[in-house]
């Protein structure tokens, strides 16, 4: 990896295919283009970049879709968008009516907490403490799973807290894997919603104290890859006992967050806890060799300076942003 560019005062950004898009000075740019794609109004709140278009949304719940030539495609008022598949297929809340829609089809009342789209076929989401599955093709609810887990003891806060859904990990061989707070991991049948397997506490399973901060599913091998600060953990979902292993104890290194695009590579931010408690390091971790293949250390100015972004990468680029909104872009050599 070599440094391609360091850009300051960057807002939302995204690597898409062989292009990099970012917000700077209230305009959306494509890397290496001097002329912006569009200029943003002062009331914009953020931008969601997709493969063929992007959505600019405001604090007043206005949404405008544009293509990457700057042409307006769609405009929506009083709408909160949760998930987008395409210009015509997206999950949203009509704020005025307090209803959830997928495209133009009514789904349920209220709000959604988490959502996950699987291969543009299934949509999973939380509504009123119920987990619902929607089959995208006919817009119909397939099943509802009501979860009610006991409170868990948070060792960091030294108190008992409600168990909440943290992340939809992914789907392998018709099993939907979900991470809940307290390191509880659950597998449900995607066709029926029936429980297939559950780790009530991965800490107890591995007899070790740790916090899961991120996890990913390799949809080719069925292995769940877990970053847990000092530990890298794997769960083999193909075995009947769903075996879990601590594959790597970093001892004096901590992986705090990461991103995964398949294969054996996790892109991460973390720190050497003997030298820094802030995320001053970003790099590439190989889950097969269990080695850090490459890393870059931030020149920290003060205790408030660290990497805050989840890294993005593809076959060509790697990027991450720091707490001062500086974007660090790298290119593969």
Foldseek 3Di string as FASTA:
>chain_A
DFFPDKFFQWDDWDDADPWIWTDHPQFIPIPPDPDGLGGHDPQWDDKADDRFWIWTAGPQGWIWIAGSNNHTDDIDGQKDWAADDDPQFTWIANNVVQFIDTRNHTDGGHDWDHWDQAPVAWIWTDDPQKIWIAGNVVRHIQDIHHDADAWAQDPVVRGTDGKDWDDFAHDEPQWTWTAIPQRKIWIARNRYRHTQDIDRHVCVVAVHDFGWQDWHAQRVQRKIWTFTFQFIKIFRPVDSVRDIDGPGGNPQWTWRAWDDDHDFKTWTFTGRNVVAPARQKTFIAGNVVRDTPDMDGHPDPDNQKHWDFHWDDDQFKIWTAISSRMITIDTDD
